[in-house]
Amino acid sequence: MLFWWMPACFAVSGADAPKQTVRTVSSGDMLHWGVGLLIVLAVFFFCVWAMRKLSGITVNGAEKMRVVGGLSLGMRERIILLQVGKKQLILGVTPGRIDALHVLEGDDCLNSEPSMARDSGFAQKLMQVTKGKHSD
């Protein structure tokens, strides 16, 4: 019985309270929201632009690493020749892993010029280097 009486008590006290006026949205409010939205979008696009510009900046030593060439062995398998400083790495790349197959240093390095590597055939040089290393 007490639970039935409590809602009725609140309803009576709510009816005696003065009604609040509902504030309508004016054109000034819409203007403020629009200006705020434009500011937020401008800051967002500035951040996107800045990130694109900063992505070209390299950390010390990062510019010394580049892909010299590659050879596809199948649908998902590749062999990549990677130049890191004065060393060249022959990497086996599959969807699940990357394995270092061989490290070339000093006189063993293939031509590091990208145009030379494309013209002379990366696959032929790779075969020559791997055959030469296995015969020792």
N, C-alpha and C. Protein backbone atom coordinates (compact mmCIF):
# COMPACT_ATOMS: atom_id res chain seq x y z
N MET A 1 0.81 -1.18 0.00
CA MET A 1 0.00 0.00 0.00
C MET A 1 0.87 1.26 0.00
N LEU A 2 1.98 1.19 0.67
CA LEU A 2 2.89 2.31 0.75
C LEU A 2 3.45 2.66 -0.63
N PHE A 3 3.73 1.64 -1.45
CA PHE A 3 4.28 1.87 -2.79
C PHE A 3 3.26 2.54 -3.71
N TRP A 4 2.00 2.33 -3.49
CA TRP A 4 0.98 2.98 -4.31
C TRP A 4 0.81 4.43 -3.93
N TRP A 5 1.03 4.71 -2.67
CA TRP A 5 0.84 6.07 -2.18
C TRP A 5 2.00 6.99 -2.60
N MET A 6 3.27 6.45 -2.73
CA MET A 6 4.46 7.26 -3.05
C MET A 6 4.33 7.93 -4.43
N PRO A 7 3.97 7.23 -5.50
CA PRO A 7 3.86 7.92 -6.79
C PRO A 7 2.75 8.97 -6.79
N ALA A 8 1.70 8.73 -6.09
CA ALA A 8 0.62 9.71 -6.04
C ALA A 8 1.09 10.96 -5.31
N CYS A 9 1.92 10.82 -4.31
CA CYS A 9 2.45 11.95 -3.56
C CYS A 9 3.34 12.82 -4.45
N PHE A 10 4.19 12.18 -5.25
CA PHE A 10 5.06 12.94 -6.15
C PHE A 10 4.27 13.63 -7.26
N ALA A 11 3.23 13.00 -7.71
CA ALA A 11 2.41 13.60 -8.77
C ALA A 11 1.72 14.85 -8.26
N VAL A 12 1.29 14.86 -7.04
CA VAL A 12 0.61 16.04 -6.48
C VAL A 12 1.61 17.18 -6.32
N SER A 13 2.83 16.85 -5.82
CA SER A 13 3.81 17.92 -5.62
C SER A 13 4.32 18.45 -6.96
N GLY A 14 4.37 17.61 -8.00
CA GLY A 14 4.81 18.06 -9.32
C GLY A 14 3.78 18.96 -9.97
N ALA A 15 2.55 18.79 -9.69
CA ALA A 15 1.52 19.61 -10.30
C ALA A 15 1.54 21.03 -9.74
N ASP A 16 1.99 21.20 -8.51
CA ASP A 16 2.04 22.52 -7.89
C ASP A 16 3.24 23.33 -8.38
N ALA A 17 4.24 22.67 -8.94
CA ALA A 17 5.45 23.37 -9.38
C ALA A 17 5.15 24.20 -10.62
N PRO A 18 5.79 25.39 -10.73
CA PRO A 18 5.55 26.22 -11.92
C PRO A 18 6.17 25.57 -13.15
N LYS A 19 5.53 25.72 -14.27
CA LYS A 19 6.03 25.13 -15.52
C LYS A 19 7.19 25.96 -16.03
N GLN A 20 8.24 25.25 -16.52
CA GLN A 20 9.39 25.94 -17.09
C GLN A 20 9.11 26.22 -18.56
N THR A 21 9.57 27.35 -19.00
CA THR A 21 9.38 27.68 -20.41
C THR A 21 10.46 26.97 -21.23
N VAL A 22 10.07 26.49 -22.36
CA VAL A 22 10.97 25.79 -23.25
C VAL A 22 11.66 26.83 -24.13
N ARG A 23 13.00 26.78 -24.15
CA ARG A 23 13.75 27.74 -24.95
C ARG A 23 13.85 27.21 -26.37
N THR A 24 13.53 28.02 -27.33
CA THR A 24 13.61 27.61 -28.72
C THR A 24 15.00 27.89 -29.26
N VAL A 25 15.37 27.17 -30.30
CA VAL A 25 16.66 27.34 -30.93
C VAL A 25 16.58 28.52 -31.88
N SER A 26 17.46 29.48 -31.67
CA SER A 26 17.43 30.68 -32.50
C SER A 26 18.48 30.57 -33.61
N SER A 27 18.43 31.52 -34.52
CA SER A 27 19.41 31.53 -35.61
C SER A 27 20.81 31.84 -35.08
N GLY A 28 20.90 32.56 -33.98
CA GLY A 28 22.21 32.83 -33.35
C GLY A 28 22.85 31.56 -32.83
N ASP A 29 22.03 30.67 -32.26
CA ASP A 29 22.54 29.38 -31.79
C ASP A 29 23.05 28.55 -32.96
N MET A 30 22.30 28.54 -34.04
CA MET A 30 22.72 27.79 -35.23
C MET A 30 24.03 28.35 -35.78
N LEU A 31 24.18 29.68 -35.75
CA LEU A 31 25.41 30.31 -36.22
C LEU A 31 26.60 29.90 -35.36
N HIS A 32 26.42 29.89 -34.05
CA HIS A 32 27.50 29.47 -33.15
C HIS A 32 27.88 28.01 -33.39
N TRP A 33 26.90 27.15 -33.55
CA TRP A 33 27.19 25.74 -33.81
C TRP A 33 27.92 25.56 -35.14
N GLY A 34 27.48 26.31 -36.15
CA GLY A 34 28.12 26.23 -37.47
C GLY A 34 29.57 26.69 -37.43
N VAL A 35 29.81 27.81 -36.74
CA VAL A 35 31.19 28.32 -36.62
C VAL A 35 32.04 27.32 -35.84
N GLY A 36 31.52 26.76 -34.78
CA GLY A 36 32.25 25.75 -34.00
C GLY A 36 32.58 24.53 -34.84
N LEU A 37 31.62 24.09 -35.64
CA LEU A 37 31.85 22.94 -36.52
C LEU A 37 32.94 23.25 -37.54
N LEU A 38 32.92 24.44 -38.12
CA LEU A 38 33.95 24.82 -39.09
C LEU A 38 35.33 24.87 -38.44
N ILE A 39 35.42 25.35 -37.21
CA ILE A 39 36.71 25.39 -36.51
C ILE A 39 37.22 23.98 -36.26
N VAL A 40 36.35 23.10 -35.80
CA VAL A 40 36.76 21.71 -35.55
C VAL A 40 37.21 21.05 -36.84
N LEU A 41 36.48 21.24 -37.94
CA LEU A 41 36.87 20.65 -39.21
C LEU A 41 38.19 21.24 -39.72
N ALA A 42 38.40 22.54 -39.52
CA ALA A 42 39.66 23.16 -39.95
C ALA A 42 40.83 22.58 -39.17
N VAL A 43 40.67 22.40 -37.87
CA VAL A 43 41.74 21.80 -37.06
C VAL A 43 41.99 20.36 -37.51
N PHE A 44 40.94 19.61 -37.81
CA PHE A 44 41.09 18.22 -38.27
C PHE A 44 41.87 18.16 -39.58
N PHE A 45 41.47 18.98 -40.56
CA PHE A 45 42.16 18.95 -41.85
C PHE A 45 43.58 19.47 -41.75
N PHE A 46 43.84 20.42 -40.85
CA PHE A 46 45.21 20.88 -40.62
C PHE A 46 46.06 19.74 -40.05
N CYS A 47 45.51 18.97 -39.13
CA CYS A 47 46.25 17.83 -38.56
C CYS A 47 46.53 16.78 -39.63
N VAL A 48 45.58 16.50 -40.49
CA VAL A 48 45.79 15.54 -41.58
C VAL A 48 46.88 16.03 -42.52
N TRP A 49 46.83 17.31 -42.88
CA TRP A 49 47.84 17.89 -43.75
C TRP A 49 49.23 17.83 -43.09
N ALA A 50 49.31 18.16 -41.81
CA ALA A 50 50.59 18.15 -41.09
C ALA A 50 51.15 16.73 -41.01
N MET A 51 50.30 15.74 -40.80
CA MET A 51 50.78 14.35 -40.73
C MET A 51 51.33 13.90 -42.08
N ARG A 52 50.71 14.32 -43.16
CA ARG A 52 51.24 13.97 -44.48
C ARG A 52 52.59 14.62 -44.72
N LYS A 53 52.74 15.86 -44.31
CA LYS A 53 54.01 16.56 -44.49
C LYS A 53 55.09 15.96 -43.60
N LEU A 54 54.75 15.60 -42.37
CA LEU A 54 55.73 15.05 -41.45
C LEU A 54 56.10 13.61 -41.76
N SER A 55 55.26 12.91 -42.51
CA SER A 55 55.59 11.51 -42.83
C SER A 55 56.78 11.43 -43.78
N GLY A 56 57.09 12.52 -44.50
CA GLY A 56 58.25 12.54 -45.39
C GLY A 56 59.56 12.75 -44.65
N ILE A 57 59.49 13.19 -43.40
CA ILE A 57 60.69 13.41 -42.60
C ILE A 57 61.22 12.07 -42.13
N THR A 58 62.52 11.85 -42.31
CA THR A 58 63.11 10.59 -41.89
C THR A 58 63.96 10.80 -40.65
N VAL A 59 64.01 9.78 -39.83
CA VAL A 59 64.84 9.78 -38.65
C VAL A 59 66.27 9.46 -39.09
N ASN A 60 67.26 9.83 -38.32
CA ASN A 60 68.65 9.57 -38.68
C ASN A 60 68.86 8.11 -39.04
N GLY A 61 69.39 7.85 -40.22
CA GLY A 61 69.69 6.50 -40.65
C GLY A 61 68.55 5.81 -41.37
N ALA A 62 67.34 6.32 -41.29
CA ALA A 62 66.21 5.64 -41.92
C ALA A 62 66.27 5.73 -43.44
N GLU A 63 66.94 6.78 -43.97
CA GLU A 63 67.02 6.92 -45.42
C GLU A 63 68.02 5.95 -46.03
N LYS A 64 68.77 5.23 -45.21
CA LYS A 64 69.77 4.30 -45.71
C LYS A 64 69.18 2.92 -46.02
N MET A 65 67.90 2.71 -45.78
CA MET A 65 67.29 1.42 -46.04
C MET A 65 66.32 1.56 -47.20
N ARG A 66 66.47 0.69 -48.21
CA ARG A 66 65.57 0.73 -49.36
C ARG A 66 65.52 -0.64 -50.02
N VAL A 67 64.45 -0.88 -50.74
CA VAL A 67 64.26 -2.12 -51.48
C VAL A 67 64.92 -1.95 -52.84
N VAL A 68 65.90 -2.83 -53.14
CA VAL A 68 66.61 -2.75 -54.41
C VAL A 68 65.88 -3.53 -55.49
N GLY A 69 65.36 -4.69 -55.14
CA GLY A 69 64.66 -5.50 -56.13
C GLY A 69 63.85 -6.60 -55.46
N GLY A 70 63.12 -7.32 -56.28
CA GLY A 70 62.29 -8.40 -55.76
C GLY A 70 61.96 -9.40 -56.85
N LEU A 71 61.59 -10.59 -56.42
CA LEU A 71 61.26 -11.66 -57.34
C LEU A 71 60.09 -12.44 -56.76
N SER A 72 59.04 -12.62 -57.55
CA SER A 72 57.88 -13.36 -57.09
C SER A 72 58.11 -14.84 -57.32
N LEU A 73 57.88 -15.64 -56.28
CA LEU A 73 58.06 -17.08 -56.37
C LEU A 73 56.75 -17.84 -56.48
N GLY A 74 55.67 -17.17 -56.27
CA GLY A 74 54.36 -17.81 -56.32
C GLY A 74 53.30 -16.77 -56.06
N MET A 75 52.13 -17.25 -55.66
CA MET A 75 51.01 -16.34 -55.40
C MET A 75 51.30 -15.41 -54.23
N ARG A 76 51.96 -15.93 -53.19
CA ARG A 76 52.16 -15.15 -51.98
C ARG A 76 53.62 -15.06 -51.55
N GLU A 77 54.50 -15.78 -52.16
CA GLU A 77 55.89 -15.82 -51.76
C GLU A 77 56.73 -14.89 -52.63
N ARG A 78 57.67 -14.19 -52.00
CA ARG A 78 58.56 -13.29 -52.72
C ARG A 78 59.96 -13.37 -52.11
N ILE A 79 60.95 -13.04 -52.92
CA ILE A 79 62.30 -12.81 -52.44
C ILE A 79 62.59 -11.34 -52.69
N ILE A 80 63.07 -10.66 -51.65
CA ILE A 80 63.31 -9.23 -51.71
C ILE A 80 64.80 -8.98 -51.44
N LEU A 81 65.41 -8.09 -52.22
CA LEU A 81 66.77 -7.64 -51.96
C LEU A 81 66.67 -6.27 -51.32
N LEU A 82 67.14 -6.16 -50.07
CA LEU A 82 67.01 -4.96 -49.27
C LEU A 82 68.39 -4.38 -48.99
N GLN A 83 68.59 -3.11 -49.31
CA GLN A 83 69.85 -2.42 -49.05
C GLN A 83 69.74 -1.74 -47.69
N VAL A 84 70.63 -2.09 -46.75
CA VAL A 84 70.66 -1.47 -45.43
C VAL A 84 72.09 -0.99 -45.21
N GLY A 85 72.30 0.30 -45.36
CA GLY A 85 73.65 0.83 -45.23
C GLY A 85 74.53 0.27 -46.32
N LYS A 86 75.62 -0.41 -45.92
CA LYS A 86 76.53 -1.02 -46.88
C LYS A 86 76.27 -2.51 -47.04
N LYS A 87 75.26 -3.03 -46.37
CA LYS A 87 74.91 -4.45 -46.47
C LYS A 87 73.67 -4.61 -47.33
N GLN A 88 73.55 -5.79 -47.92
CA GLN A 88 72.34 -6.15 -48.65
C GLN A 88 71.81 -7.44 -48.06
N LEU A 89 70.52 -7.46 -47.82
CA LEU A 89 69.85 -8.63 -47.24
C LEU A 89 68.94 -9.24 -48.29
N ILE A 90 69.01 -10.55 -48.41
CA ILE A 90 68.07 -11.28 -49.26
C ILE A 90 67.04 -11.87 -48.31
N LEU A 91 65.78 -11.42 -48.45
CA LEU A 91 64.72 -11.81 -47.54
C LEU A 91 63.68 -12.65 -48.24
N GLY A 92 63.22 -13.70 -47.59
CA GLY A 92 62.09 -14.49 -48.05
C GLY A 92 60.84 -13.98 -47.36
N VAL A 93 59.87 -13.53 -48.14
CA VAL A 93 58.67 -12.91 -47.57
C VAL A 93 57.46 -13.76 -47.92
N THR A 94 56.75 -14.20 -46.89
CA THR A 94 55.48 -14.92 -47.04
C THR A 94 54.44 -14.18 -46.21
N PRO A 95 53.16 -14.51 -46.35
CA PRO A 95 52.15 -13.79 -45.57
C PRO A 95 52.36 -13.91 -44.06
N GLY A 96 52.94 -15.01 -43.59
CA GLY A 96 53.08 -15.21 -42.15
C GLY A 96 54.41 -14.81 -41.57
N ARG A 97 55.46 -14.70 -42.38
CA ARG A 97 56.77 -14.41 -41.83
C ARG A 97 57.71 -13.81 -42.85
N ILE A 98 58.82 -13.28 -42.34
CA ILE A 98 59.90 -12.74 -43.15
C ILE A 98 61.18 -13.38 -42.63
N ASP A 99 61.90 -14.06 -43.51
CA ASP A 99 63.13 -14.74 -43.12
C ASP A 99 64.31 -14.14 -43.87
N ALA A 100 65.43 -13.95 -43.16
CA ALA A 100 66.67 -13.50 -43.79
C ALA A 100 67.33 -14.73 -44.41
N LEU A 101 67.40 -14.78 -45.74
CA LEU A 101 67.98 -15.92 -46.42
C LEU A 101 69.49 -15.81 -46.54
N HIS A 102 69.98 -14.58 -46.76
CA HIS A 102 71.41 -14.39 -46.94
C HIS A 102 71.75 -12.92 -46.72
N VAL A 103 72.98 -12.67 -46.25
CA VAL A 103 73.47 -11.31 -46.06
C VAL A 103 74.68 -11.12 -46.97
N LEU A 104 74.64 -10.08 -47.79
CA LEU A 104 75.73 -9.76 -48.70
C LEU A 104 76.47 -8.55 -48.16
N GLU A 105 77.81 -8.65 -48.08
CA GLU A 105 78.61 -7.54 -47.58
C GLU A 105 79.81 -7.32 -48.49
N GLY A 106 80.29 -6.10 -48.53
CA GLY A 106 81.52 -5.78 -49.25
C GLY A 106 81.43 -6.08 -50.73
N ASP A 107 82.36 -6.92 -51.24
CA ASP A 107 82.43 -7.23 -52.67
C ASP A 107 81.28 -8.12 -53.14
N ASP A 108 80.61 -8.81 -52.21
CA ASP A 108 79.51 -9.69 -52.59
C ASP A 108 78.24 -8.92 -52.96
N CYS A 109 78.16 -7.67 -52.57
CA CYS A 109 76.94 -6.87 -52.82
C CYS A 109 76.67 -6.75 -54.30
N LEU A 110 75.41 -6.81 -54.65
CA LEU A 110 74.98 -6.59 -56.02
C LEU A 110 74.96 -5.10 -56.28
N ASN A 111 74.82 -4.70 -57.53
CA ASN A 111 74.75 -3.26 -57.84
C ASN A 111 73.64 -2.63 -57.04
N SER A 112 73.94 -1.51 -56.39
CA SER A 112 72.93 -0.87 -55.55
C SER A 112 72.15 0.20 -56.30
N GLU A 113 72.51 0.48 -57.54
CA GLU A 113 71.75 1.45 -58.31
C GLU A 113 70.44 0.83 -58.77
N PRO A 114 69.30 1.46 -58.50
CA PRO A 114 68.01 0.87 -58.88
C PRO A 114 67.87 0.65 -60.38
N SER A 115 68.37 1.57 -61.21
CA SER A 115 68.22 1.40 -62.65
C SER A 115 69.09 0.25 -63.14
N MET A 116 70.27 0.07 -62.56
CA MET A 116 71.15 -1.04 -62.95
C MET A 116 70.53 -2.37 -62.56
N ALA A 117 69.91 -2.42 -61.38
CA ALA A 117 69.32 -3.67 -60.91
C ALA A 117 68.16 -4.09 -61.80
N ARG A 118 67.38 -3.15 -62.29
CA ARG A 118 66.26 -3.50 -63.16
C ARG A 118 66.74 -3.95 -64.53
N ASP A 119 67.77 -3.29 -65.07
CA ASP A 119 68.25 -3.60 -66.41
C ASP A 119 68.99 -4.94 -66.46
N SER A 120 69.76 -5.27 -65.44
CA SER A 120 70.59 -6.46 -65.50
C SER A 120 69.85 -7.72 -65.04
N GLY A 121 68.72 -7.60 -64.43
CA GLY A 121 67.93 -8.75 -64.03
C GLY A 121 68.28 -9.25 -62.65
N PHE A 122 67.44 -8.93 -61.70
CA PHE A 122 67.66 -9.32 -60.32
C PHE A 122 67.68 -10.84 -60.17
N ALA A 123 66.83 -11.52 -60.89
CA ALA A 123 66.76 -12.97 -60.77
C ALA A 123 68.07 -13.63 -61.20
N GLN A 124 68.68 -13.14 -62.27
CA GLN A 124 69.94 -13.72 -62.73
C GLN A 124 71.05 -13.49 -61.70
N LYS A 125 71.14 -12.30 -61.16
CA LYS A 125 72.17 -12.01 -60.17
C LYS A 125 71.96 -12.82 -58.90
N LEU A 126 70.71 -12.98 -58.51
CA LEU A 126 70.41 -13.77 -57.32
C LEU A 126 70.84 -15.21 -57.51
N MET A 127 70.57 -15.76 -58.67
CA MET A 127 70.99 -17.14 -58.96
C MET A 127 72.51 -17.26 -58.94
N GLN A 128 73.23 -16.28 -59.51
CA GLN A 128 74.68 -16.31 -59.51
C GLN A 128 75.24 -16.26 -58.10
N VAL A 129 74.69 -15.41 -57.26
CA VAL A 129 75.20 -15.28 -55.90
C VAL A 129 74.90 -16.52 -55.09
N THR A 130 73.70 -17.07 -55.20
CA THR A 130 73.37 -18.26 -54.42
C THR A 130 74.17 -19.48 -54.89
N LYS A 131 74.42 -19.62 -56.18
CA LYS A 131 75.23 -20.74 -56.69
C LYS A 131 76.68 -20.58 -56.24
N GLY A 132 77.17 -19.36 -56.25
CA GLY A 132 78.55 -19.11 -55.83
C GLY A 132 78.76 -19.39 -54.36
N LYS A 133 77.81 -19.08 -53.51
CA LYS A 133 77.93 -19.30 -52.08
C LYS A 133 77.81 -20.77 -51.72
N HIS A 134 76.98 -21.54 -52.42
CA HIS A 134 76.79 -22.95 -52.10
C HIS A 134 77.98 -23.79 -52.57
N SER A 135 78.75 -23.32 -53.54
CA SER A 135 79.87 -24.12 -54.04
C SER A 135 81.08 -24.04 -53.12
N ASP A 136 81.15 -23.05 -52.21
CA ASP A 136 82.29 -22.91 -51.29
C ASP A 136 82.31 -23.96 -50.23
